[in-house]
C-alpha atoms as a PDB file:
ATOM      1  CA  MET A   1      14.923 120.264  42.386  1.00  0.00           C
ATOM      2  CA  LYS A   2      14.398 123.397  44.232  1.00  0.00           C
ATOM      3  CA  GLN A   3      17.756 122.458  46.687  1.00  0.00           C
ATOM      4  CA  LYS A   4      19.587 122.075  43.168  1.00  0.00           C
ATOM      5  CA  VAL A   5      18.423 125.778  41.879  1.00  0.00           C
ATOM      6  CA  SER A   6      19.155 127.042  45.231  1.00  0.00           C
ATOM      7  CA  LEU A   7      22.672 125.886  45.405  1.00  0.00           C
ATOM      8  CA  VAL A   8      23.369 127.535  41.700  1.00  0.00           C
ATOM      9  CA  VAL A   9      21.826 130.761  42.882  1.00  0.00           C
ATOM     10  CA  LEU A  10      24.110 131.056  45.889  1.00  0.00           C
ATOM     11  CA  ALA A  11      27.014 130.078  44.240  1.00  0.00           C
ATOM     12  CA  PHE A  12      26.253 133.202  41.429  1.00  0.00           C
ATOM     13  CA  VAL A  13      25.445 135.712  44.225  1.00  0.00           C
ATOM     14  CA  GLY A  14      28.947 135.027  45.822  1.00  0.00           C
ATOM     15  CA  LEU A  15      30.762 135.377  42.343  1.00  0.00           C
ATOM     16  CA  PHE A  16      29.127 138.594  41.819  1.00  0.00           C
ATOM     17  CA  LEU A  17      29.969 139.630  45.259  1.00  0.00           C
ATOM     18  CA  LEU A  18      33.472 139.087  44.900  1.00  0.00           C
ATOM     19  CA  PHE A  19      33.338 140.861  41.313  1.00  0.00           C
ATOM     20  CA  TYR A  20      31.422 143.764  42.947  1.00  0.00           C
ATOM     21  CA  TRP A  21      33.974 144.330  46.223  1.00  0.00           C
ATOM     22  CA  MET A  22      36.722 143.417  44.339  1.00  0.00           C
ATOM     23  CA  GLU A  23      36.283 145.532  40.843  1.00  0.00           C
ATOM     24  CA  ASP A  24      34.163 148.476  42.029  1.00  0.00           C
ATOM     25  CA  HIS A  25      34.987 149.179  45.972  1.00  0.00           C
ATOM     26  CA  PRO A  26      38.846 147.818  46.216  1.00  0.00           C
ATOM     27  CA  GLU A  27      39.518 150.888  48.296  1.00  0.00           C
ATOM     28  CA  ASN A  28      36.867 149.971  51.090  1.00  0.00           C
ATOM     29  CA  ILE A  29      38.546 146.760  51.619  1.00  0.00           C
ATOM     30  CA  TYR A  30      41.002 146.753  54.497  1.00  0.00           C
ATOM     31  CA  GLU A  31      44.050 144.739  54.024  1.00  0.00           C
ATOM     32  CA  THR A  32      44.277 141.899  56.784  1.00  0.00           C
ATOM     33  CA  ASN A  33      46.561 139.241  58.015  1.00  0.00           C
ATOM     34  CA  TYR A  34      45.697 135.647  56.875  1.00  0.00           C
ATOM     35  CA  TRP A  35      47.861 134.320  58.940  1.00  0.00           C
ATOM     36  CA  LYS A  36      51.433 135.089  60.745  1.00  0.00           C
ATOM     37  CA  GLU A  37      53.780 132.197  61.038  1.00  0.00           C
ATOM     38  CA  ASP A  38      57.069 131.563  61.175  1.00  0.00           C
ATOM     39  CA  TRP A  39      57.604 129.251  58.454  1.00  0.00           C
ATOM     40  CA  LYS A  40      60.988 126.867  57.719  1.00  0.00           C
ATOM     41  CA  SER A  41      60.256 125.834  54.273  1.00  0.00           C
ATOM     42  CA  ILE A  42      58.463 126.548  51.096  1.00  0.00           C
ATOM     43  CA  GLN A  43      57.468 124.439  48.194  1.00  0.00           C
ATOM     44  CA  TYR A  44      56.772 125.243  44.928  1.00  0.00           C
ATOM     45  CA  ILE A  45      54.786 123.101  42.595  1.00  0.00           C
ATOM     46  CA  PRO A  46      54.573 124.620  38.749  1.00  0.00           C
ATOM     47  CA  PRO A  47      51.105 124.831  36.898  1.00  0.00           C
ATOM     48  CA  LYS A  48      49.927 121.728  34.971  1.00  0.00           C
ATOM     49  CA  SER A  49      49.910 121.722  31.211  1.00  0.00           C
ATOM     50  CA  ASP A  50      45.914 122.200  31.639  1.00  0.00           C
ATOM     51  CA  TRP A  51      45.604 124.890  33.814  1.00  0.00           C
ATOM     52  CA  CYS A  52      43.533 127.641  32.505  1.00  0.00           C
ATOM     53  CA  GLY A  53      45.338 130.734  33.868  1.00  0.00           C
ATOM     54  CA  VAL A  54      48.081 132.727  32.252  1.00  0.00           C
ATOM     55  CA  LEU A  55      51.108 130.649  31.172  1.00  0.00           C
ATOM     56  CA  ASP A  56      53.180 133.365  29.697  1.00  0.00           C
ATOM     57  CA  PRO A  57      55.678 134.310  30.484  1.00  0.00           C
ATOM     58  CA  LYS A  58      56.624 130.446  31.486  1.00  0.00           C
ATOM     59  CA  PHE A  59      56.500 129.116  35.073  1.00  0.00           C
ATOM     60  CA  ALA A  60      60.002 127.456  36.296  1.00  0.00           C
ATOM     61  CA  GLU A  61      59.317 124.202  35.037  1.00  0.00           C
ATOM     62  CA  GLU A  62      60.571 122.062  38.253  1.00  0.00           C
ATOM     63  CA  THR A  63      59.055 121.616  42.201  1.00  0.00           C
ATOM     64  CA  MET A  64      61.613 123.385  43.895  1.00  0.00           C
ATOM     65  CA  VAL A  65      62.055 122.991  47.834  1.00  0.00           C
ATOM     66  CA  PHE A  66      63.471 126.044  49.666  1.00  0.00           C
ATOM     67  CA  ARG A  67      64.586 125.926  53.471  1.00  0.00           C
ATOM     68  CA  LYS A  68      65.250 128.230  55.989  1.00  0.00           C
ATOM     69  CA  ILE A  69      68.070 127.011  58.417  1.00  0.00           C
ATOM     70  CA  PRO A  70      68.754 129.174  61.509  1.00  0.00           C
ATOM     71  CA  ARG A  71      72.182 129.909  62.589  1.00  0.00           C
ATOM     72  CA  GLY A  72      72.190 130.782  66.152  1.00  0.00           C
ATOM     73  CA  TRP A  73      70.585 133.908  68.072  1.00  0.00           C
ATOM     74  CA  ASN A  74      70.850 137.388  66.227  1.00  0.00           C
ATOM     75  CA  GLN A  75      72.321 135.782  63.184  1.00  0.00           C
ATOM     76  CA  THR A  76      71.233 135.879  59.607  1.00  0.00           C
ATOM     77  CA  PRO A  77      69.597 132.448  58.621  1.00  0.00           C
ATOM     78  CA  LEU A  78      70.633 130.455  55.442  1.00  0.00           C
ATOM     79  CA  TYR A  79      68.426 129.671  52.869  1.00  0.00           C
ATOM     80  CA  THR A  80      68.619 126.748  50.412  1.00  0.00           C
ATOM     81  CA  VAL A  81      66.779 125.520  47.206  1.00  0.00           C
ATOM     82  CA  SER A  82      66.925 121.911  46.234  1.00  0.00           C
ATOM     83  CA  LEU A  83      65.041 119.877  43.686  1.00  0.00           C
ATOM     84  CA  THR A  84      65.191 116.214  41.943  1.00  0.00           C
ATOM     85  CA  GLN A  85      66.896 115.891  38.616  1.00  0.00           C
ATOM     86  CA  ASN A  86      67.414 112.581  37.007  1.00  0.00           C
ATOM     87  CA  GLY A  87      66.500 110.782  40.318  1.00  0.00           C
ATOM     88  CA  LYS A  88      69.383 113.071  42.243  1.00  0.00           C
ATOM     89  CA  VAL A  89      68.698 115.815  44.851  1.00  0.00           C
ATOM     90  CA  VAL A  90      70.720 119.060  43.790  1.00  0.00           C
ATOM     91  CA  SER A  91      70.982 121.490  46.444  1.00  0.00           C
ATOM     92  CA  TYR A  92      72.184 125.490  46.111  1.00  0.00           C
ATOM     93  CA  GLU A  93      72.410 128.305  48.499  1.00  0.00           C
ATOM     94  CA  ALA A  94      69.478 130.242  47.713  1.00  0.00           C
ATOM     95  CA  ASN A  95      69.460 133.984  47.015  1.00  0.00           C
ATOM     96  CA  TYR A  96      67.300 137.150  47.800  1.00  0.00           C
ATOM     97  CA  ASN A  97      64.487 136.046  45.698  1.00  0.00           C
ATOM     98  CA  VAL A  98      63.983 132.894  48.378  1.00  0.00           C
ATOM     99  CA  LYS A  99      64.802 135.075  51.333  1.00  0.00           C
ATOM    100  CA  ASN A 100      61.848 137.778  50.271  1.00  0.00           C
ATOM    101  CA  SER A 101      59.427 134.790  49.636  1.00  0.00           C
ATOM    102  CA  PHE A 102      59.873 133.792  53.520  1.00  0.00           C
ATOM    103  CA  SER A 103      59.137 137.303  54.666  1.00  0.00           C
ATOM    104  CA  GLU A 104      56.115 137.637  52.258  1.00  0.00           C
ATOM    105  CA  LEU A 105      54.464 134.172  53.015  1.00  0.00           C
ATOM    106  CA  SER A 106      55.226 134.281  57.013  1.00  0.00           C
ATOM    107  CA  VAL A 107      52.747 137.689  57.340  1.00  0.00           C
ATOM    108  CA  LEU A 108      50.422 136.676  54.620  1.00  0.00           C
ATOM    109  CA  LYS A 109      48.525 139.901  53.837  1.00  0.00           C
ATOM    110  CA  THR A 110      44.991 139.814  51.599  1.00  0.00           C
ATOM    111  CA  LYS A 111      42.034 142.379  51.041  1.00  0.00           C
ATOM    112  CA  LEU A 112      39.676 139.221  50.826  1.00  0.00           C
ATOM    113  CA  ILE A 113      38.753 136.209  52.530  1.00  0.00           C
ATOM    114  CA  GLU A 114      35.524 134.479  50.883  1.00  0.00           C
ATOM    115  CA  LYS A 115      34.508 130.994  51.379  1.00  0.00           C
ATOM    116  CA  ALA A 116      35.145 129.252  48.337  1.00  0.00           C
ATOM    117  CA  THR A 117      32.835 127.968  45.724  1.00  0.00           C
ATOM    118  CA  GLU A 118      32.885 125.563  42.528  1.00  0.00           C
ATOM    119  CA  GLU A 119      31.860 128.442  40.409  1.00  0.00           C
ATOM    120  CA  ILE A 120      34.393 130.856  41.728  1.00  0.00           C
ATOM    121  CA  GLN A 121      37.067 128.195  41.322  1.00  0.00           C
ATOM    122  CA  LYS A 122      36.400 127.543  37.817  1.00  0.00           C
ATOM    123  CA  SER A 123      36.014 131.469  36.815  1.00  0.00           C
ATOM    124  CA  TYR A 124      39.545 132.419  38.581  1.00  0.00           C
ATOM    125  CA  CYS A 125      41.277 129.010  37.209  1.00  0.00           C
ATOM    126  CA  LEU A 126      41.700 127.635  40.636  1.00  0.00           C
ATOM    127  CA  GLY A 127      42.128 124.143  41.586  1.00  0.00           C
ATOM    128  CA  MET A 128      44.805 121.174  41.286  1.00  0.00           C
ATOM    129  CA  SER A 129      46.492 122.409  37.935  1.00  0.00           C
ATOM    130  CA  SER A 130      46.997 125.581  39.599  1.00  0.00           C
ATOM    131  CA  PRO A 131      50.580 126.711  40.366  1.00  0.00           C
ATOM    132  CA  SER A 132      50.789 126.350  44.332  1.00  0.00           C
ATOM    133  CA  LEU A 133      53.019 127.327  47.063  1.00  0.00           C
ATOM    134  CA  SER A 134      53.103 124.792  50.329  1.00  0.00           C
ATOM    135  CA  LEU A 135      54.284 126.213  53.544  1.00  0.00           C
ATOM    136  CA  SER A 136      55.798 124.268  56.566  1.00  0.00           C
ATOM    137  CA  GLU A 137      57.238 124.415  60.107  1.00  0.00           C
ATOM    138  CA  ASP A 138      59.624 121.765  59.082  1.00  0.00           C
ATOM    139  CA  ASN A 139      63.297 122.036  57.622  1.00  0.00           C
ATOM    140  CA  GLY A 140      64.099 118.588  57.439  1.00  0.00           C
ATOM    141  CA  GLU A 141      65.498 115.975  54.864  1.00  0.00           C
ATOM    142  CA  ASN A 142      61.942 114.796  54.082  1.00  0.00           C
ATOM    143  CA  ILE A 143      59.480 117.421  54.652  1.00  0.00           C
ATOM    144  CA  GLU A 144      55.755 116.909  54.722  1.00  0.00           C
ATOM    145  CA  PHE A 145      53.565 119.735  53.412  1.00  0.00           C
ATOM    146  CA  SER A 146      49.942 119.826  54.665  1.00  0.00           C
ATOM    147  CA  LYS A 147      47.362 120.520  52.031  1.00  0.00           C
ATOM    148  CA  ASP A 148      45.760 122.809  54.571  1.00  0.00           C
ATOM    149  CA  LYS A 149      48.806 125.161  54.046  1.00  0.00           C
ATOM    150  CA  GLN A 150      48.548 125.164  50.370  1.00  0.00           C
ATOM    151  CA  LEU A 151      48.651 128.138  48.166  1.00  0.00           C
ATOM    152  CA  PHE A 152      46.809 127.352  44.603  1.00  0.00           C
ATOM    153  CA  PHE A 153      47.122 130.585  42.623  1.00  0.00           C
ATOM    154  CA  GLY A 154      44.784 131.895  40.095  1.00  0.00           C
ATOM    155  CA  LYS A 155      43.674 134.706  37.606  1.00  0.00           C
ATOM    156  CA  LYS A 156      44.557 138.442  38.790  1.00  0.00           C
ATOM    157  CA  ILE A 157      41.163 139.772  40.603  1.00  0.00           C
ATOM    158  CA  GLY A 158      39.051 142.675  39.320  1.00  0.00           C
ATOM    159  CA  SER A 159      40.901 146.265  38.411  1.00  0.00           C
ATOM    160  CA  ASP A 160      43.424 145.871  41.311  1.00  0.00           C
ATOM    161  CA  GLU A 161      46.362 144.667  39.109  1.00  0.00           C
ATOM    162  CA  GLY A 162      48.481 144.176  42.203  1.00  0.00           C
ATOM    163  CA  ARG A 163      46.028 141.136  43.875  1.00  0.00           C
ATOM    164  CA  ILE A 164      45.574 137.282  42.894  1.00  0.00           C
ATOM    165  CA  SER A 165      43.063 134.850  43.495  1.00  0.00           C
ATOM    166  CA  VAL A 166      44.190 132.199  45.918  1.00  0.00           C
ATOM    167  CA  LEU A 167      42.567 129.122  46.931  1.00  0.00           C
ATOM    168  CA  VAL A 168      43.846 127.934  50.564  1.00  0.00           C
ATOM    169  CA  ASN A 169      41.915 125.528  52.823  1.00  0.00           C
ATOM    170  CA  GLU A 170      38.579 126.174  51.160  1.00  0.00           C
ATOM    171  CA  GLU A 171      38.602 129.707  51.273  1.00  0.00           C
ATOM    172  CA  ILE A 172      39.357 132.553  48.468  1.00  0.00           C
ATOM    173  CA  ILE A 173      42.354 135.475  49.816  1.00  0.00           C
ATOM    174  CA  ALA A 174      43.423 137.913  47.431  1.00  0.00           C
ATOM    175  CA  PRO A 175      47.295 138.423  48.395  1.00  0.00           C
ATOM    176  CA  TYR A 176      50.036 140.397  46.369  1.00  0.00           C
ATOM    177  CA  ASN A 177      50.423 138.827  42.669  1.00  0.00           C
ATOM    178  CA  TYR A 178      54.365 138.934  43.237  1.00  0.00           C
ATOM    179  CA  LEU A 179      53.986 135.797  45.476  1.00  0.00           C
ATOM    180  CA  ILE A 180      53.669 133.910  42.666  1.00  0.00           C
ATOM    181  CA  GLU A 181      54.572 136.399  39.692  1.00  0.00           C
ATOM    182  CA  LYS A 182      58.252 135.787  40.521  1.00  0.00           C
ATOM    183  CA  PHE A 183      58.172 131.899  39.557  1.00  0.00           C
ATOM    184  CA  ARG A 184      57.976 132.894  36.102  1.00  0.00           C
ATOM    185  CA  THR A 185      61.438 132.486  35.676  1.00  0.00           C
ATOM    186  CA  PRO A 186      64.076 129.596  35.225  1.00  0.00           C
ATOM    187  CA  ASN A 187      65.139 127.500  38.792  1.00  0.00           C
ATOM    188  CA  THR A 188      68.570 129.073  38.386  1.00  0.00           C
ATOM    189  CA  ASN A 189      67.467 132.392  39.415  1.00  0.00           C
ATOM    190  CA  PHE A 190      66.886 131.398  42.559  1.00  0.00           C
ATOM    191  CA  ARG A 191      70.228 130.494  43.747  1.00  0.00           C
ATOM    192  CA  GLU A 192      73.119 132.770  44.958  1.00  0.00           C
ATOM    193  CA  LYS A 193      75.500 132.836  42.460  1.00  0.00           C
ATOM    194  CA  MET A 194      78.166 134.805  44.551  1.00  0.00           C
ATOM    195  CA  TYR A 195      80.147 132.469  46.632  1.00  0.00           C
ATOM    196  CA  VAL A 196      81.047 134.682  49.543  1.00  0.00           C
ATOM    197  CA  THR A 197      77.720 136.521  51.127  1.00  0.00           C
ATOM    198  CA  PHE A 198      76.678 138.315  54.217  1.00  0.00           C
ATOM    199  CA  SER A 199      75.003 141.546  54.925  1.00  0.00           C
ATOM    200  CA  ASN A 200      76.965 142.453  58.392  1.00  0.00           C
ATOM    201  CA  GLY A 201      80.366 142.461  59.747  1.00  0.00           C
ATOM    202  CA  TYR A 202      83.447 141.901  57.776  1.00  0.00           C
ATOM    203  CA  LEU A 203      85.590 139.303  56.590  1.00  0.00           C
ATOM    204  CA  LYS A 204      87.676 138.014  59.783  1.00  0.00           C
ATOM    205  CA  GLU A 205      89.933 135.201  58.240  1.00  0.00           C
ATOM    206  CA  LEU A 206      91.202 133.754  54.906  1.00  0.00           C
ATOM    207  CA  SER A 207      93.195 130.653  54.813  1.00  0.00           C
ATOM    208  CA  PHE A 208      94.077 129.155  51.395  1.00  0.00           C
ATOM    209  CA  SER A 209      95.904 125.725  50.706  1.00  0.00           C
ATOM    210  CA  GLY A 210      96.990 124.165  47.632  1.00  0.00           C
ATOM    211  CA  GLN A 211      98.900 124.879  44.252  1.00  0.00           C
ATOM    212  CA  VAL A 212     102.002 124.287  47.002  1.00  0.00           C
ATOM    213  CA  VAL A 213     101.254 127.415  49.022  1.00  0.00           C
ATOM    214  CA  ASN A 214      99.484 127.366  52.548  1.00  0.00           C
ATOM    215  CA  VAL A 215      98.445 130.951  53.486  1.00  0.00           C
ATOM    216  CA  LYS A 216      96.344 132.386  55.968  1.00  0.00           C
ATOM    217  CA  SER A 217      95.511 135.964  56.927  1.00  0.00           C
ATOM    218  CA  GLU A 218      93.455 137.625  59.501  1.00  0.00           C
ATOM    219  CA  ASN A 219      91.754 141.013  59.737  1.00  0.00           C
ATOM    220  CA  ARG A 220      91.342 142.946  63.218  1.00  0.00           C
ATOM    221  CA  ALA A 221      89.246 145.595  61.308  1.00  0.00           C
ATOM    222  CA  LYS A 222      87.688 148.531  63.404  1.00  0.00           C
ATOM    223  CA  LYS A 223      85.167 150.876  62.718  1.00  0.00           C
ATOM    224  CA  ASN A 224      86.110 154.618  61.750  1.00  0.00           C
ATOM    225  CA  GLN A 225      84.020 157.980  62.610  1.00  0.00           C
ATOM    226  CA  TYR A 226      81.557 157.070  59.737  1.00  0.00           C
ATOM    227  CA  ASN A 227      81.060 153.618  61.337  1.00  0.00           C
ATOM    228  CA  VAL A 228      82.736 152.052  57.892  1.00  0.00           C
ATOM    229  CA  TYR A 229      84.804 149.019  59.092  1.00  0.00           C
ATOM    230  CA  VAL A 230      88.454 149.902  58.189  1.00  0.00           C
ATOM    231  CA  ASN A 231      90.242 146.671  57.797  1.00  0.00           C
ATOM    232  CA  ASP A 232      93.953 145.639  59.552  1.00  0.00           C
ATOM    233  CA  TRP A 233      95.370 142.424  57.810  1.00  0.00           C
ATOM    234  CA  SER A 234      98.236 140.323  58.938  1.00  0.00           C
ATOM    235  CA  ARG A 235      99.589 137.072  57.616  1.00  0.00           C
ATOM    236  CA  THR A 236      99.591 134.655  60.148  1.00  0.00           C
ATOM    237  CA  THR A 237     101.455 131.846  58.470  1.00  0.00           C
ATOM    238  CA  GLY A 238     105.406 131.643  58.254  1.00  0.00           C
ATOM    239  CA  GLU A 239     106.670 134.937  59.806  1.00  0.00           C
ATOM    240  CA  ARG A 240     103.592 136.825  61.157  1.00  0.00           C
ATOM    241  CA  ILE A 241     103.482 140.258  59.915  1.00  0.00           C
ATOM    242  CA  VAL A 242     100.907 143.392  59.298  1.00  0.00           C
ATOM    243  CA  LEU A 243     100.182 143.299  55.714  1.00  0.00           C
ATOM    244  CA  PRO A 244     100.316 146.248  53.615  1.00  0.00           C
ATOM    245  CA  PRO A 245      96.600 147.499  52.729  1.00  0.00           C
ATOM    246  CA  ASP A 246      96.539 147.105  49.319  1.00  0.00           C
ATOM    247  CA  VAL A 247      97.625 143.484  49.815  1.00  0.00           C
ATOM    248  CA  GLY A 248      95.574 142.768  52.441  1.00  0.00           C
ATOM    249  CA  ASN A 249      92.484 144.325  50.512  1.00  0.00           C
ATOM    250  CA  GLN A 250      93.287 142.784  47.153  1.00  0.00           C
ATOM    251  CA  TRP A 251      92.541 139.261  48.304  1.00  0.00           C
ATOM    252  CA  GLU A 252      89.529 140.179  50.318  1.00  0.00           C
ATOM    253  CA  SER A 253      88.230 142.054  47.314  1.00  0.00           C
ATOM    254  CA  VAL A 254      89.234 138.963  44.925  1.00  0.00           C
ATOM    255  CA  VAL A 255      87.436 136.598  47.447  1.00  0.00           C
ATOM    256  CA  LYS A 256      84.162 138.397  47.463  1.00  0.00           C
ATOM    257  CA  GLY A 257      83.889 138.881  43.762  1.00  0.00           C
ATOM    258  CA  LEU A 258      84.195 135.076  43.344  1.00  0.00           C
ATOM    259  CA  LYS A 259      80.968 133.867  41.610  1.00  0.00           C
ATOM    260  CA  VAL A 260      79.465 131.123  40.090  1.00  0.00           C
ATOM    261  CA  GLU A 261      79.696 131.076  36.134  1.00  0.00           C
ATOM    262  CA  PHE A 262      77.457 128.095  35.144  1.00  0.00           C
ATOM    263  CA  TYR A 263      75.140 125.476  37.003  1.00  0.00           C
ATOM    264  CA  SER A 264      75.541 121.983  35.051  1.00  0.00           C
ATOM    265  CA  ASP A 265      71.850 122.334  34.191  1.00  0.00           C
ATOM    266  CA  GLU A 266      71.724 125.944  33.248  1.00  0.00           C
ATOM    267  CA  SER A 267      70.653 127.026  29.823  1.00  0.00           C
ATOM    268  CA  GLY A 268      73.622 127.771  27.504  1.00  0.00           C
ATOM    269  CA  ALA A 269      76.048 125.974  29.706  1.00  0.00           C
ATOM    270  CA  PRO A 270      78.760 123.678  28.424  1.00  0.00           C
ATOM    271  CA  SER A 271      78.346 120.009  28.655  1.00  0.00           C
ATOM    272  CA  PHE A 272      80.565 119.800  31.870  1.00  0.00           C
ATOM    273  CA  PRO A 273      81.640 116.382  33.158  1.00  0.00           C
ATOM    274  CA  GLU A 274      80.188 114.882  36.267  1.00  0.00           C
ATOM    275  CA  LEU A 275      82.492 115.087  39.296  1.00  0.00           C
ATOM    276  CA  SER A 276      83.216 111.791  41.022  1.00  0.00           C
ATOM    277  CA  SER A 277      82.160 111.805  45.015  1.00  0.00           C
ATOM    278  CA  THR A 278      85.984 110.911  45.769  1.00  0.00           C
ATOM    279  CA  GLN A 279      87.382 113.203  43.873  1.00  0.00           C
ATOM    280  CA  ALA A 280      89.937 115.133  45.883  1.00  0.00           C
ATOM    281  CA  PRO A 281      90.493 118.984  45.615  1.00  0.00           C
ATOM    282  CA  GLU A 282      93.556 120.765  44.075  1.00  0.00           C
ATOM    283  CA  ALA A 283      92.914 123.627  46.446  1.00  0.00           C
ATOM    284  CA  VAL A 284      90.706 124.652  49.584  1.00  0.00           C
ATOM    285  CA  LEU A 285      89.669 128.380  50.491  1.00  0.00           C
ATOM    286  CA  ASP A 286      88.599 129.187  53.886  1.00  0.00           C
ATOM    287  CA  VAL A 287      86.593 132.198  54.793  1.00  0.00           C
ATOM    288  CA  VAL A 288      85.420 133.123  58.359  1.00  0.00           C
ATOM    289  CA  GLN A 289      83.045 136.167  58.577  1.00  0.00           C
ATOM    290  CA  SER A 290      82.990 138.214  62.044  1.00  0.00           C
ATOM    291  CA  GLU A 291      79.973 137.276  63.233  1.00  0.00           C
ATOM    292  CA  GLY A 292      80.763 133.480  62.885  1.00  0.00           C
ATOM    293  CA  ILE A 293      79.777 132.633  59.113  1.00  0.00           C
ATOM    294  CA  LYS A 294      81.985 129.995  57.586  1.00  0.00           C
ATOM    295  CA  PHE A 295      82.448 129.241  54.001  1.00  0.00           C
ATOM    296  CA  ARG A 296      84.638 126.686  52.327  1.00  0.00           C
ATOM    297  CA  LEU A 297      85.236 126.520  48.776  1.00  0.00           C
ATOM    298  CA  SER A 298      87.172 123.530  47.269  1.00  0.00           C
ATOM    299  CA  PHE A 299      88.586 123.821  43.687  1.00  0.00           C
ATOM    300  CA  PHE A 300      88.992 120.745  41.871  1.00  0.00           C
ATOM    301  CA  PRO A 301      91.257 119.794  38.736  1.00  0.00           C
ATOM    302  CA  LEU A 302      91.045 122.574  35.447  1.00  0.00           C
ATOM    303  CA  TRP A 303      88.371 120.912  32.971  1.00  0.00           C
ATOM    304  CA  GLU A 304      89.192 122.434  29.443  1.00  0.00           C
ATOM    305  CA  SER A 305      87.033 122.095  26.604  1.00  0.00           C
ATOM    306  CA  ASP A 306      86.018 124.519  23.389  1.00  0.00           C
ATOM    307  CA  SER A 307      84.073 126.733  25.386  1.00  0.00           C
ATOM    308  CA  GLY A 308      87.067 127.661  27.261  1.00  0.00           C
ATOM    309  CA  LYS A 309      88.672 126.334  30.894  1.00  0.00           C
ATOM    310  CA  TRP A 310      86.671 125.790  33.553  1.00  0.00           C
ATOM    311  CA  ARG A 311      87.242 125.253  37.446  1.00  0.00           C
ATOM    312  CA  PRO A 312      84.622 123.030  39.223  1.00  0.00           C
ATOM    313  CA  VAL A 313      83.980 124.211  42.807  1.00  0.00           C
ATOM    314  CA  ARG A 314      82.013 123.008  45.881  1.00  0.00           C
ATOM    315  CA  ARG A 315      80.844 125.501  48.451  1.00  0.00           C
ATOM    316  CA  GLU A 316      79.922 124.559  51.957  1.00  0.00           C
ATOM    317  CA  LEU A 317      78.649 126.792  54.588  1.00  0.00           C
ATOM    318  CA  LEU A 318      79.781 124.742  57.819  1.00  0.00           C
ATOM    319  CA  PRO A 319      78.401 123.121  59.626  1.00  0.00           C
ATOM    320  CA  TYR A 320      75.166 123.307  58.114  1.00  0.00           C
ATOM    321  CA  PHE A 321      75.108 122.956  54.389  1.00  0.00           C
ATOM    322  CA  SER A 322      77.139 121.567  50.934  1.00  0.00           C
ATOM    323  CA  GLU A 323      76.319 122.730  47.568  1.00  0.00           C
ATOM    324  CA  THR A 324      76.103 120.428  44.571  1.00  0.00           C
ATOM    325  CA  VAL A 325      79.205 121.511  42.085  1.00  0.00           C
ATOM    326  CA  THR A 326      79.120 124.419  40.258  1.00  0.00           C
ATOM    327  CA  TRP A 327      81.763 125.998  37.907  1.00  0.00           C
ATOM    328  CA  MET A 328      83.694 129.075  37.819  1.00  0.00           C
ATOM    329  CA  ARG A 329      86.218 130.420  35.402  1.00  0.00           C
ATOM    330  CA  GLU A 330      89.773 129.357  35.392  1.00  0.00           C
ATOM    331  CA  GLU A 331      90.584 132.915  35.210  1.00  0.00           C
ATOM    332  CA  SER A 332      88.708 133.956  38.467  1.00  0.00           C
ATOM    333  CA  PHE A 333      90.756 130.909  39.927  1.00  0.00           C
ATOM    334  CA  GLN A 334      94.169 132.321  38.923  1.00  0.00           C
ATOM    335  CA  ASN A 335      93.310 135.890  40.026  1.00  0.00           C
ATOM    336  CA  LEU A 336      92.356 134.400  43.493  1.00  0.00           C
ATOM    337  CA  VAL A 337      95.904 132.128  43.539  1.00  0.00           C
ATOM    338  CA  ASN A 338      97.681 135.765  42.344  1.00  0.00           C
ATOM    339  CA  ALA A 339      96.352 137.534  45.128  1.00  0.00           C
ATOM    340  CA  VAL A 340      97.324 134.509  47.528  1.00  0.00           C
ATOM    341  CA  MET A 341     100.936 134.705  46.189  1.00  0.00           C
ATOM    342  CA  LYS A 342     101.239 138.123  46.998  1.00  0.00           C
ATOM    343  CA  VAL A 343     100.525 138.021  50.610  1.00  0.00           C
ATOM    344  CA  LYS A 344     102.482 134.787  50.765  1.00  0.00           C
ATOM    345  CA  ASN A 345     105.593 137.128  49.677  1.00  0.00           C
ATOM    346  CA  ALA A 346     104.513 140.375  51.063  1.00  0.00           C
ATOM    347  CA  SER A 347     106.829 142.087  53.389  1.00  0.00           C
ATOM    348  CA  ARG A 348     106.201 143.700  56.841  1.00  0.00           C
ATOM    349  CA  TYR A 349     103.952 146.732  56.809  1.00  0.00           C
ATOM    350  CA  GLU A 350     104.791 149.822  59.123  1.00  0.00           C
ATOM    351  CA  ARG A 351     102.112 151.736  60.298  1.00  0.00           C
ATOM    352  CA  PRO A 352     101.920 155.201  60.288  1.00  0.00           C
ATOM    353  CA  ASN A 353     101.584 156.571  63.434  1.00  0.00           C
ATOM    354  CA  GLN A 354      97.761 158.204  63.131  1.00  0.00           C
ATOM    355  CA  LYS A 355      94.524 157.577  64.080  1.00  0.00           C
ATOM    356  CA  ILE A 356      92.265 155.596  61.707  1.00  0.00           C
ATOM    357  CA  GLN A 357      90.050 158.530  60.239  1.00  0.00           C
END
């Protein structure tokens, strides 16, 4: 009996100290790194309905797996997001939300490392019903996430509104709350909507085949005195010519502006038909970035409905990844075709005899 009383007293003492240090003296607690790892995958699991934490705004409802795929030395990794719907895995390129999560979770900062007790877990809604993030150094097709690297999120801690309680490997830590708060949004907000994305360099090659045309152009861009790339587009199909700047730049601009209008599972999307895996594309756009990143967009036959005209698109990031089909407006596709035709029909451009400014 005395042993049980002692355990209860110790639990309440631990809970009191947690409140005391985090609520009354947060400025006296130094931030430290809980771990520093190069994670290759993250699994998000939503909270269960019986979780006693704050459920509004609503968390993303589906389990998601994010992967970081290296693309070679000194190149920006590729980030992807996958989830299972109706027994099928759907995968897309991930956006900045996912990229930031890898950075934030690789160096996990905390102002508290405390041994977990049952009372503390109950008080802060920490347990198997909590929303969680699991980490792994594997990014393969079938990933086994270790329980030792699973973060269970609970309530915010004390007066420091920027911190949240987390249970990990039988310890309580206090990282920044945005680690989990960003998941209070639909799963589509973790996907990259722009079809062609890169942070450095320039577009080096564009190639379009289909719609009874086959056009290719290359860019020998150079930096000016302001360290900004200035394009120098040439058409390499048919008669090889230097393109007028407005013609080459228009094709580039249209390509950079191509974006996903709807995902099939997106709220408010039309009831898009399922595309056959054997369906041949009507047109293909290949894009090569100066640092070797390669994109391929395959455009499939037009689909019309009361909601408008839509073009199914499959994006590939060669040779690493192929996306589930997405949908763009037919108007955007026709803008691309028009830009391609201007390149096809362009006349030779005579460069002025002057240096790049």
